N, C-alpha and C. Protein backbone atom coordinates (compact mmCIF):
# COMPACT_ATOMS: atom_id res chain seq x y z
N MET A 1 13.43 -8.99 -29.92
CA MET A 1 11.82 -8.69 -28.81
C MET A 1 10.67 -8.64 -29.30
N ALA A 2 10.14 -9.56 -28.67
CA ALA A 2 8.74 -10.47 -29.39
C ALA A 2 7.88 -9.30 -28.80
N ARG A 3 6.45 -9.15 -29.66
CA ARG A 3 5.72 -8.21 -29.81
C ARG A 3 4.41 -9.08 -28.53
N LEU A 4 4.36 -7.83 -27.79
CA LEU A 4 3.05 -8.51 -27.05
C LEU A 4 1.54 -8.53 -27.43
N PRO A 5 1.04 -9.68 -26.92
CA PRO A 5 -0.34 -9.89 -27.52
C PRO A 5 -1.01 -8.57 -27.18
N ILE A 6 -2.51 -8.89 -27.70
CA ILE A 6 -3.55 -8.18 -27.17
C ILE A 6 -4.76 -9.79 -26.41
N LEU A 7 -4.25 -9.15 -24.67
CA LEU A 7 -4.98 -9.87 -24.12
C LEU A 7 -6.07 -9.52 -22.99
N LYS A 8 -7.19 -10.55 -22.64
CA LYS A 8 -8.45 -9.75 -21.95
C LYS A 8 -7.62 -9.94 -20.97
N ALA A 9 -8.56 -9.08 -19.75
CA ALA A 9 -7.60 -8.98 -18.31
C ALA A 9 -7.56 -9.92 -17.66
N HIS A 10 -8.53 -10.82 -17.49
CA HIS A 10 -8.42 -11.70 -16.41
C HIS A 10 -6.68 -13.08 -16.99
N GLU A 11 -6.86 -13.21 -18.29
CA GLU A 11 -5.40 -13.30 -18.64
C GLU A 11 -4.40 -13.18 -18.20
N ILE A 12 -4.08 -11.59 -18.06
CA ILE A 12 -2.92 -10.91 -17.34
C ILE A 12 -3.18 -10.94 -16.32
N ILE A 13 -4.11 -11.09 -14.99
CA ILE A 13 -4.09 -11.18 -13.87
C ILE A 13 -3.28 -12.56 -13.72
N ARG A 14 -3.61 -13.80 -14.36
CA ARG A 14 -3.51 -14.72 -14.35
C ARG A 14 -1.91 -14.81 -14.31
N ALA A 15 -1.72 -14.58 -15.51
CA ALA A 15 -0.04 -14.48 -15.79
C ALA A 15 0.80 -13.83 -14.68
N LEU A 16 0.25 -12.93 -14.22
CA LEU A 16 0.87 -11.82 -13.20
C LEU A 16 0.42 -12.69 -11.62
N GLU A 17 -0.20 -13.22 -11.41
CA GLU A 17 -0.56 -14.36 -10.06
C GLU A 17 0.50 -15.95 -10.54
N LYS A 18 0.67 -15.79 -11.22
CA LYS A 18 2.05 -17.20 -11.58
C LYS A 18 3.32 -16.46 -11.26
N ALA A 19 3.56 -15.31 -11.68
CA ALA A 19 4.81 -14.39 -10.81
C ALA A 19 4.62 -13.96 -9.65
N GLY A 20 3.81 -14.56 -9.14
CA GLY A 20 3.79 -14.12 -7.03
C GLY A 20 2.64 -12.89 -7.25
N PHE A 21 1.99 -12.77 -7.77
CA PHE A 21 1.25 -11.48 -7.40
C PHE A 21 0.42 -11.80 -7.34
N GLN A 22 -0.23 -11.20 -5.68
CA GLN A 22 -1.60 -11.66 -5.48
C GLN A 22 -2.61 -10.36 -5.28
N ARG A 23 -3.48 -10.54 -6.10
CA ARG A 23 -5.03 -9.53 -5.85
C ARG A 23 -5.48 -9.21 -4.71
N VAL A 24 -5.40 -7.73 -4.05
CA VAL A 24 -5.32 -7.32 -2.90
C VAL A 24 -6.22 -6.55 -2.72
N ARG A 25 -7.23 -6.19 -4.06
CA ARG A 25 -8.72 -5.33 -3.71
C ARG A 25 -9.41 -5.16 -5.58
N GLN A 26 -10.44 -4.89 -5.35
CA GLN A 26 -10.65 -4.40 -6.69
C GLN A 26 -11.58 -3.55 -6.43
N ARG A 27 -12.06 -2.12 -7.20
CA ARG A 27 -12.40 -1.44 -6.93
C ARG A 27 -13.08 -0.63 -8.36
N GLY A 28 -13.85 -0.81 -8.16
CA GLY A 28 -15.06 -0.05 -9.70
C GLY A 28 -14.27 -1.30 -10.91
N GLY A 29 -13.54 -0.57 -12.23
CA GLY A 29 -13.36 -1.21 -12.78
C GLY A 29 -11.89 -1.58 -12.83
N HIS A 30 -11.05 -1.68 -11.51
CA HIS A 30 -9.47 -1.94 -11.45
C HIS A 30 -9.14 -2.66 -9.88
N ALA A 31 -8.39 -4.13 -11.02
CA ALA A 31 -8.00 -5.10 -9.93
C ALA A 31 -6.64 -4.41 -9.92
N ARG A 32 -6.30 -4.03 -8.21
CA ARG A 32 -5.20 -3.93 -7.81
C ARG A 32 -4.11 -4.83 -7.59
N LEU A 33 -2.92 -5.60 -7.65
CA LEU A 33 -2.34 -6.65 -7.82
C LEU A 33 -0.74 -6.09 -6.91
N LYS A 34 -0.35 -7.19 -6.07
CA LYS A 34 0.46 -6.43 -5.29
C LYS A 34 1.49 -7.63 -4.60
N HIS A 35 2.67 -7.68 -5.30
CA HIS A 35 3.93 -8.54 -4.65
C HIS A 35 4.08 -9.01 -3.36
N PRO A 36 4.62 -9.54 -3.01
CA PRO A 36 5.35 -9.57 -1.31
C PRO A 36 6.51 -8.69 -1.25
N ASP A 37 6.94 -8.67 -2.31
CA ASP A 37 8.23 -7.70 -2.38
C ASP A 37 8.12 -6.47 -2.60
N GLY A 38 6.72 -5.99 -2.59
CA GLY A 38 6.38 -4.63 -2.51
C GLY A 38 5.64 -4.07 -3.83
N ARG A 39 6.35 -4.69 -4.87
CA ARG A 39 5.39 -4.22 -6.47
C ARG A 39 4.05 -4.36 -6.24
N VAL A 40 3.70 -2.91 -6.85
CA VAL A 40 2.25 -3.08 -7.46
C VAL A 40 1.86 -2.35 -8.58
N THR A 41 1.07 -3.21 -9.20
CA THR A 41 0.22 -2.61 -10.72
C THR A 41 -1.50 -2.75 -10.70
N SER A 42 -1.78 -1.84 -11.12
CA SER A 42 -3.12 -2.06 -11.29
C SER A 42 -3.74 -2.43 -12.89
N VAL A 43 -4.53 -3.41 -12.98
CA VAL A 43 -5.07 -3.77 -14.39
C VAL A 43 -6.77 -3.21 -14.12
N PRO A 44 -6.85 -3.12 -15.18
CA PRO A 44 -8.17 -2.16 -15.59
C PRO A 44 -9.36 -3.81 -16.28
N VAL A 45 -10.52 -4.57 -15.62
CA VAL A 45 -11.35 -5.06 -15.66
C VAL A 45 -12.54 -4.53 -16.17
N HIS A 46 -12.71 -4.84 -17.33
CA HIS A 46 -14.07 -4.50 -18.22
C HIS A 46 -13.93 -5.09 -19.08
N THR A 47 -15.62 -5.90 -18.79
CA THR A 47 -15.67 -7.32 -19.39
C THR A 47 -16.31 -7.10 -20.42
N GLY A 48 -15.84 -7.88 -21.39
CA GLY A 48 -15.79 -8.10 -23.11
C GLY A 48 -14.74 -7.11 -23.49
N GLU A 49 -13.91 -6.27 -22.85
CA GLU A 49 -12.95 -5.15 -23.38
C GLU A 49 -11.10 -5.99 -23.49
N ASP A 50 -10.44 -5.91 -24.40
CA ASP A 50 -8.73 -6.32 -24.42
C ASP A 50 -8.29 -5.19 -23.96
N ILE A 51 -7.17 -5.62 -23.45
CA ILE A 51 -5.92 -4.93 -23.08
C ILE A 51 -5.19 -4.78 -24.05
N ASP A 52 -5.02 -3.51 -24.34
CA ASP A 52 -3.75 -2.81 -25.87
C ASP A 52 -2.90 -3.65 -25.31
N ARG A 53 -1.83 -2.91 -26.77
CA ARG A 53 -0.56 -3.70 -26.37
C ARG A 53 0.56 -2.26 -25.57
N TRP A 54 -0.04 -1.12 -25.42
CA TRP A 54 0.62 -0.06 -24.85
C TRP A 54 -0.06 0.31 -23.53
N LEU A 55 -1.03 -0.94 -22.92
CA LEU A 55 -1.23 -0.49 -21.84
C LEU A 55 -1.10 -1.93 -21.16
N LEU A 56 -0.43 -2.70 -21.66
CA LEU A 56 0.28 -3.95 -21.00
C LEU A 56 1.54 -3.73 -20.83
N LYS A 57 2.06 -2.68 -21.82
CA LYS A 57 3.17 -2.79 -21.51
C LYS A 57 3.68 -2.13 -20.44
N LYS A 58 2.79 -0.92 -19.92
CA LYS A 58 2.66 -0.07 -19.07
C LYS A 58 2.34 -0.75 -17.68
N ILE A 59 1.68 -1.98 -17.71
CA ILE A 59 1.34 -2.80 -16.36
C ILE A 59 2.22 -3.56 -16.04
N LEU A 60 3.14 -3.84 -17.26
CA LEU A 60 4.57 -4.56 -16.69
C LEU A 60 5.57 -4.04 -16.94
N ARG A 61 5.69 -2.36 -16.67
CA ARG A 61 6.76 -1.38 -15.91
C ARG A 61 6.09 -1.72 -15.05
N ASP A 62 5.57 -1.67 -14.66
CA ASP A 62 4.75 -1.30 -13.12
C ASP A 62 4.67 -2.27 -12.26
N ALA A 63 4.66 -3.47 -13.03
CA ALA A 63 5.36 -4.75 -12.08
C ALA A 63 6.75 -5.10 -12.13
N LYS A 64 7.44 -4.61 -13.07
CA LYS A 64 9.18 -4.66 -12.86
C LYS A 64 9.19 -6.04 -13.88
N ILE A 65 8.19 -6.19 -14.98
CA ILE A 65 8.50 -7.76 -15.49
C ILE A 65 8.75 -7.08 -16.53
N SER A 66 9.58 -8.38 -17.34
CA SER A 66 9.93 -8.01 -18.70
C SER A 66 9.36 -9.07 -19.99
N THR A 67 8.72 -7.88 -20.89
CA THR A 67 8.25 -8.83 -21.10
C THR A 67 8.75 -10.33 -21.86
N GLU A 68 9.62 -10.42 -22.02
CA GLU A 68 10.14 -12.21 -22.47
C GLU A 68 9.53 -12.81 -21.36
N GLU A 69 9.56 -11.99 -19.79
CA GLU A 69 9.28 -12.71 -18.77
C GLU A 69 7.49 -13.06 -18.63
N PHE A 70 7.07 -11.86 -19.10
CA PHE A 70 6.03 -12.26 -18.87
C PHE A 70 5.24 -13.24 -20.33
N LEU A 71 5.58 -13.14 -21.49
CA LEU A 71 5.49 -13.93 -22.45
C LEU A 71 5.56 -15.70 -22.29
N HIS A 72 6.43 -15.66 -21.50
CA HIS A 72 6.68 -17.05 -21.31
C HIS A 72 6.03 -17.28 -19.95
N LEU A 73 5.36 -16.70 -18.93
CA LEU A 73 4.53 -16.72 -17.93
C LEU A 73 2.88 -17.27 -18.29
N ALA A 74 2.75 -16.35 -19.72
CA ALA A 74 1.39 -16.40 -20.31
C ALA A 74 1.22 -17.42 -21.67
N GLU A 75 2.18 -17.73 -21.70
CA GLU A 75 1.99 -19.03 -22.80
C GLU A 75 1.76 -20.68 -21.89
N LYS A 76 1.93 -20.82 -20.60
CA LYS A 76 1.53 -21.46 -19.98
C LYS A 76 -0.04 -21.22 -19.39
N LEU A 77 -0.73 -20.45 -19.92
CA LEU A 77 -2.15 -20.46 -19.13
C LEU A 77 -2.79 -21.19 -19.94
């Protein structure tokens, strides 16, 4: 199993959008993304801050995306 990178919020959102998620709203520092099949996740958007590995793992668990699938989407950015 590959190790997750530390990424910025906009990089994570871009990878999730490639997986079919759409940003449905942003309230304060959190963007809410929803997939047409009903999956939902939130990504904290704080300027200049990175998303740590444990939080990225939680986002992927909520989105029901495997680590390998996410890494494949993120490498194309």
